Every structure is written in structure tokens, then in C-alpha cells.
């Protein structure tokens, strides 16, 4: 199977020069978590911008200073297995498709699942591909604390547990962004420096004002924002069936439970892509 058979051709992108407000507006309007970046007036690919880039750089407005430069790309005539390897080796979820350096398409982890993997006869169980270090939090955790937990795991998803320790919901990076805003905070730093001379001499003071942007979350708790009763699979669910569930529900991650219904893992689209590259 070739890349051109599964790539999206009707794609959204952003130009440089550009700013974060415009990028975030496009992402929200089109419900995407990342955009190829092209040089203004052309379709020359110069970078990739993700929601994570915006979250991790609240102080920076210019897209050129936030985006990932020299992104991994592929050709429409490449084999799907080759692009799967690129995603796995570089831990990325989207690859711009180019011809002569110009953007002609995009392949995301979802495209790999929706247009390729679910058709393949992959009977391996999900447990062979799932994450076992599960990012979880109590469903009554404040959003700002929950966001810190998700960032600690360096993932884009967090699972909510109820008072009995059972799975009660799932949050994605998008959920957190929708419940936050970038605010500016000014801090004052005073430094005193003694002047030369006798003990009666005046001290000189230097005052430094530092303005820093950061994400401010609403006062909601995890349970107020999380998607309740998420779709689940068991450790023995075949990869193909799991991919089909992702395709049908238009999701990129599914919690994994054991035969007793206890949470034991998490499988993401990027994890299942390994089945294509094997």
C-alpha cells in the first residue's frame, strides 16, 4: 500500500510569518492537533506546529520560534510501512507529504489507523502494544494539578479514576486547552548593592520587572471535563478490532482492562502503528 492511497489531500496548514492566536484558532475550528507550516506565498514545507508546541511555549507569539523545523516528510509514492517506521523512530503523529519540497498531503496516526491498519489481518493482542505506565488521576483532582500529572508522563492523555479506583473518564490535551487561557503575570525583583565609602553611604537599588505568560485553568475538576464511560478494550482484543474501534469512534487512544475489568494499560494510535511496521 502506498502513502498516496491513505494521505489526506484536503489539509489545513499555517503560514510563516504567523502568530499563535491564528494557529490556535485554525486548530480549534478544524479540530486538529497539529499543522504543517509553509513559507508564506508558497507551499514549501518549513515546519510542523502542534498544540503541544503552543502549550510548552506560552511566552512566544511567533510561529517560526515555536514550530519544529526541518520536519520528517515523505513522498506520495513511499510505502505505508516506510512512513510507519518514520513515525515510530521519531515518535511523531503526523508526516507532511511533499513533492519537490511542496506540501501535497498529510498522513497522521489516525490516517494510518482509519485507512490502513483496520483493513489488515493483524490478530496480535493489544497487550503486545499497550503502555503499562498508565497516566491516571482521581476524578476530583483540580484541572491544573491534573495537567501537571499528564505533563509528567509526557503524554497527551490522562485517565480519571473514581473513589473505587475504577476507570471513570478520559481527558486529552485538547480538553485541557479548551479549559485554559494564556495569562500574563508580572513579578518584581529587587536587588540592593552597597556603594563604596563609609557606613553612611546610600545603597543603590535595582528593580527588575519580569512579565511571564502561563496557562491558567478553570476551577473545574477532572470529572467536569473528562469524557465519561470511555470505550475500552481487553488485553486480548486483536489489534485489528482495536483499530476498528478507533476508526468508528474517531479517537486515538483506548484504555485497556483485564478480564476482571481492572485498568491495566493504554493503547494509542501511534502504538498500534508498530503493527504496520513489523
Protein backbone atom coordinates (compact mmCIF):
# COMPACT_ATOMS: atom_id res chain seq x y z
CA UNK A 1 0.00 0.00 0.00
CA UNK A 2 1.33 3.43 -0.97
CA UNK A 3 1.18 6.67 1.00
CA UNK A 4 -0.94 8.36 -1.69
CA UNK A 5 -3.68 5.80 -1.03
CA UNK A 6 -4.16 6.87 2.58
CA UNK A 7 -2.98 10.50 2.80
CA UNK A 8 -5.31 13.43 3.32
CA UNK A 9 -5.18 15.90 0.43
CA UNK A 10 -7.67 18.43 1.80
CA UNK A 11 -5.37 19.64 4.55
CA UNK A 12 -5.10 22.65 6.80
CA UNK A 13 -1.82 24.46 7.23
CA UNK A 14 -0.43 27.73 8.53
CA UNK A 15 1.97 30.26 7.03
CA UNK A 16 5.09 31.87 8.42
CA UNK A 17 5.31 34.63 9.39
CA UNK A 18 2.33 33.87 11.65
CA UNK A 19 1.24 34.04 15.27
CA UNK A 20 -0.01 31.60 17.94
CA UNK A 21 -3.51 33.10 18.11
CA UNK A 22 -4.09 32.39 14.43
CA UNK A 23 -2.68 28.87 14.76
CA UNK A 24 -4.85 28.05 17.77
CA UNK A 25 -7.92 29.41 16.01
CA UNK A 26 -7.29 27.16 13.00
CA UNK A 27 -6.72 24.12 15.23
CA UNK A 28 -9.95 24.75 17.15
CA UNK A 29 -12.04 25.47 14.05
CA UNK A 30 -10.79 22.39 12.19
CA UNK A 31 -10.46 20.10 15.24
CA UNK A 32 -6.85 19.15 14.50
CA UNK A 33 -3.94 18.98 16.93
CA UNK A 34 -1.16 19.88 14.52
CA UNK A 35 -0.49 21.82 11.33
CA UNK A 36 2.16 21.76 8.62
CA UNK A 37 3.89 25.13 8.34
CA UNK A 38 4.65 26.59 4.90
CA UNK A 39 6.51 29.66 3.75
CA UNK A 40 4.06 32.47 3.02
CA UNK A 41 3.18 32.76 -0.67
CA UNK A 42 4.36 29.20 -1.37
CA UNK A 43 3.61 25.65 -0.27
CA UNK A 44 7.21 24.95 0.72
CA UNK A 45 7.15 22.98 3.97
CA UNK A 46 9.37 24.58 6.61
CA UNK A 47 8.00 23.09 9.81
CA UNK A 48 5.26 21.43 11.83
CA UNK A 49 3.33 23.08 14.66
CA UNK A 50 1.40 21.14 17.31
CA UNK A 51 -0.85 22.05 20.22
CA UNK A 52 1.89 20.77 22.49
CA UNK A 53 4.28 23.35 21.00
CA UNK A 54 1.79 26.09 21.87
CA UNK A 55 1.29 24.79 25.41
CA UNK A 56 5.00 24.50 26.10
CA UNK A 57 5.80 27.99 24.78
CA UNK A 58 3.16 30.34 26.23
CA UNK A 59 5.57 33.29 26.13
CA UNK A 60 6.28 33.07 22.40
CA UNK A 61 3.93 34.57 19.81
CA UNK A 62 5.79 33.91 16.57
CA UNK A 63 5.15 30.54 14.90
CA UNK A 64 8.66 30.42 13.46
CA UNK A 65 10.11 30.31 17.00
CA UNK A 66 7.72 27.60 18.25
CA UNK A 67 7.45 25.13 15.37
CA UNK A 68 9.61 22.08 14.75
CA UNK A 69 11.93 22.98 11.88
CA UNK A 70 13.07 20.61 9.12
CA UNK A 71 10.26 18.13 9.78
CA UNK A 72 10.24 14.49 8.74
CA UNK A 73 8.46 14.23 5.37
CA UNK A 74 7.52 11.51 2.90
CA UNK A 75 6.62 11.11 -0.77
CA UNK A 76 3.20 10.04 -2.12
CA UNK A 77 4.90 7.01 -3.70
CA UNK A 78 6.51 5.80 -0.48
CA UNK A 79 5.28 2.56 1.06
CA UNK A 80 2.97 2.89 4.07
CA UNK A 81 5.34 0.66 6.05
CA UNK A 82 8.15 3.17 5.49
CA UNK A 83 6.11 6.04 6.90
CA UNK A 84 5.09 3.85 9.85
CA UNK A 85 8.78 3.33 10.62
CA UNK A 86 9.40 7.10 10.43
CA UNK A 87 6.60 7.73 12.90
CA UNK A 88 7.84 5.09 15.32
CA UNK A 89 11.53 6.05 15.16
CA UNK A 90 10.84 9.78 15.57
CA UNK A 91 7.86 9.50 17.94
CA UNK A 92 5.66 11.71 15.76
CA UNK A 93 1.97 11.55 14.89
CA UNK A 94 1.92 13.39 11.57
CA UNK A 95 4.10 13.47 8.47
CA UNK A 96 3.73 16.11 5.72
CA UNK A 97 3.71 14.59 2.23
CA UNK A 98 5.73 16.58 -0.27
CA UNK A 99 6.69 16.67 -3.93
CA UNK A 100 9.69 18.82 -4.81
CA UNK A 101 9.54 20.28 -1.30
CA UNK A 102 5.94 21.47 -1.64
CA UNK A 103 3.05 20.26 0.50
CA UNK A 104 0.65 17.92 -1.30
CA UNK A 105 -0.80 15.92 1.58
CA UNK A 106 -0.59 14.81 5.18
CA UNK A 107 -0.56 11.45 6.93
CA UNK A 108 -1.47 11.30 10.62
CA UNK A 109 -1.57 8.43 13.08
CA UNK A 110 -5.35 8.46 12.63
CA UNK A 111 -4.96 8.13 8.86
CA UNK A 112 -2.77 5.08 9.41
CA UNK A 113 -5.46 3.52 11.60
CA UNK A 114 -8.52 4.61 9.61
CA UNK A 115 -7.22 3.95 6.12
CA UNK A 116 -4.75 1.11 6.57
CA UNK A 117 -4.47 -0.84 9.81
CA UNK A 118 -8.14 -1.65 10.34
CA UNK A 119 -8.14 -3.46 6.97
CA UNK A 120 -5.13 -5.59 7.84
CA UNK A 121 -5.42 -9.08 9.32
CA UNK A 122 -3.47 -8.31 12.48
CA UNK A 123 -4.57 -10.77 15.16
CA UNK A 124 -1.87 -9.91 17.71
CA UNK A 125 -3.40 -8.96 21.09
CA UNK A 126 -3.42 -5.35 22.19
CA UNK A 127 -1.32 -6.22 25.25
CA UNK A 128 1.69 -6.60 22.93
CA UNK A 129 1.50 -2.89 22.06
CA UNK A 130 -0.10 -1.11 25.04
CA UNK A 131 1.53 1.26 27.52
CA UNK A 132 1.71 -0.18 31.01
CA UNK A 133 2.78 3.01 32.81
CA UNK A 134 -0.70 4.48 32.87
CA UNK A 135 -1.24 8.23 33.44
CA UNK A 136 -4.11 8.34 35.96
CA UNK A 137 -5.60 10.75 38.48
CA UNK A 138 -8.55 10.98 40.84
CA UNK A 139 -11.69 12.30 39.13
CA UNK A 140 -11.96 15.13 41.69
CA UNK A 141 -8.44 16.42 41.02
CA UNK A 142 -8.32 20.14 40.06
CA UNK A 143 -7.52 20.65 36.38
CA UNK A 144 -4.25 22.49 36.98
CA UNK A 145 -2.93 19.58 39.07
CA UNK A 146 -4.21 17.01 36.56
CA UNK A 147 -2.45 18.87 33.75
CA UNK A 148 0.82 18.67 35.67
CA UNK A 149 0.35 14.91 36.05
CA UNK A 150 -0.23 14.48 32.32
CA UNK A 151 2.86 16.53 31.51
CA UNK A 152 4.91 14.44 33.96
CA UNK A 153 4.13 11.34 31.89
CA UNK A 154 4.98 13.27 28.70
CA UNK A 155 1.71 12.10 27.12
CA UNK A 156 -1.35 13.78 25.65
CA UNK A 157 -3.97 11.84 27.57
CA UNK A 158 -4.97 11.27 31.19
CA UNK A 159 -7.32 8.65 32.66
CA UNK A 160 -9.69 9.51 35.52
CA UNK A 161 -10.42 7.12 38.39
CA UNK A 162 -13.38 7.18 40.78
CA UNK A 163 -13.37 6.58 44.55
CA UNK A 164 -13.22 2.82 43.96
CA UNK A 165 -10.17 3.14 41.74
CA UNK A 166 -12.16 2.22 38.62
CA UNK A 167 -11.89 3.99 35.28
CA UNK A 168 -14.48 6.78 35.08
CA UNK A 169 -13.31 9.02 32.24
CA UNK A 170 -10.61 10.14 29.85
CA UNK A 171 -9.11 13.57 29.08
CA UNK A 172 -6.95 14.63 26.17
CA UNK A 173 -4.61 17.56 25.73
CA UNK A 174 -7.38 19.25 23.75
CA UNK A 175 -9.73 19.08 26.75
CA UNK A 176 -7.17 20.88 28.89
CA UNK A 177 -6.54 23.59 26.29
CA UNK A 178 -10.27 24.24 25.91
CA UNK A 179 -10.45 24.88 29.66
CA UNK A 180 -7.46 27.22 29.83
CA UNK A 181 -6.24 30.62 28.75
CA UNK A 182 -2.85 32.27 28.47
CA UNK A 183 -2.45 34.98 31.12
CA UNK A 184 0.41 37.35 31.90
CA UNK A 185 1.89 37.62 35.37
CA UNK A 186 4.31 40.34 36.44
CA UNK A 187 6.81 39.75 39.23
CA UNK A 188 9.07 42.34 40.83
CA UNK A 189 12.66 41.51 41.77
CA UNK A 190 14.61 43.93 43.99
CA UNK A 191 18.37 43.80 44.36
CA UNK A 192 20.41 46.01 46.67
CA UNK A 193 24.05 46.82 46.01
CA UNK A 194 26.20 48.58 48.63
CA UNK A 195 28.21 51.51 47.36
CA UNK A 196 31.83 52.14 48.22
CA UNK A 197 32.54 54.51 51.04
CA UNK A 198 31.69 54.80 54.71
CA UNK A 199 28.82 53.15 56.51
CA UNK A 200 26.56 56.17 55.92
CA UNK A 201 26.60 55.86 52.16
CA UNK A 202 23.33 55.07 50.39
CA UNK A 203 22.67 51.66 48.91
CA UNK A 204 21.68 51.54 45.26
CA UNK A 205 18.61 49.51 44.38
CA UNK A 206 17.83 47.85 41.09
CA UNK A 207 14.23 46.88 40.35
CA UNK A 208 13.57 44.26 37.65
CA UNK A 209 10.05 43.68 36.34
CA UNK A 210 9.56 40.27 34.76
CA UNK A 211 6.43 39.51 32.71
CA UNK A 212 5.81 35.83 32.08
CA UNK A 213 2.89 34.10 30.35
CA UNK A 214 1.43 30.87 31.64
CA UNK A 215 -1.66 28.71 31.27
CA UNK A 216 -4.47 29.42 33.70
CA UNK A 217 -7.11 26.72 34.08
CA UNK A 218 -10.75 26.99 35.06
CA UNK A 219 -11.78 25.95 38.57
CA UNK A 220 -13.36 22.74 37.31
CA UNK A 221 -12.38 19.26 38.41
CA UNK A 222 -11.36 16.39 36.15
CA UNK A 223 -14.82 14.80 36.26
CA UNK A 224 -16.36 18.03 34.92
CA UNK A 225 -14.29 17.87 31.74
CA UNK A 226 -13.44 14.21 31.15
CA UNK A 227 -15.34 12.11 28.62
CA UNK A 228 -17.29 9.66 30.82
CA UNK A 229 -17.55 5.89 30.23
CA UNK A 230 -14.77 5.74 27.62
CA UNK A 231 -14.51 2.96 25.06
CA UNK A 232 -12.27 0.15 26.34
CA UNK A 233 -10.61 -3.00 25.03
CA UNK A 234 -9.22 -6.01 26.85
CA UNK A 235 -5.66 -7.23 26.84
CA UNK A 236 -6.66 -9.99 24.40
CA UNK A 237 -8.50 -7.76 21.91
CA UNK A 238 -6.90 -8.19 18.45
CA UNK A 239 -5.09 -5.14 17.05
CA UNK A 240 -7.40 -5.08 14.02
CA UNK A 241 -10.50 -4.91 16.22
CA UNK A 242 -8.96 -2.17 18.35
CA UNK A 243 -8.09 -0.18 15.21
CA UNK A 244 -11.68 -0.59 14.02
CA UNK A 245 -12.98 0.86 17.31
CA UNK A 246 -10.68 3.85 16.95
CA UNK A 247 -11.92 4.37 13.40
CA UNK A 248 -15.60 4.12 14.33
CA UNK A 249 -15.35 6.40 17.37
CA UNK A 250 -12.83 8.81 15.80
CA UNK A 251 -10.44 8.51 18.76
CA UNK A 252 -6.69 7.99 19.06
CA UNK A 253 -6.41 6.22 22.41
CA UNK A 254 -8.29 3.47 24.25
CA UNK A 255 -7.86 2.27 27.87
CA UNK A 256 -7.09 -1.44 28.28
CA UNK A 257 -8.71 -3.60 31.00
CA UNK A 258 -8.05 -7.15 32.14
CA UNK A 259 -10.60 -9.97 32.44
CA UNK A 260 -11.70 -8.65 35.82
CA UNK A 261 -12.35 -5.18 34.46
CA UNK A 262 -9.36 -3.51 36.11
CA UNK A 263 -7.39 -0.87 34.25
CA UNK A 264 -4.03 -2.29 33.16
CA UNK A 265 -2.89 -0.20 30.19
CA UNK A 266 -3.47 2.33 27.47
CA UNK A 267 -3.12 1.85 23.72
CA UNK A 268 -2.73 4.79 21.33
CA UNK A 269 -2.87 5.01 17.57
CA UNK A 270 0.89 5.61 17.49
CA UNK A 271 1.39 2.38 19.47
CA UNK A 272 -0.66 0.32 17.02
CA UNK A 273 1.29 1.69 14.07
CA UNK A 274 4.11 -0.61 15.14
CA UNK A 275 1.94 -3.47 13.83
CA UNK A 276 2.24 -1.96 10.35
CA UNK A 277 5.99 -1.52 10.52
CA UNK A 278 6.65 -5.05 11.84
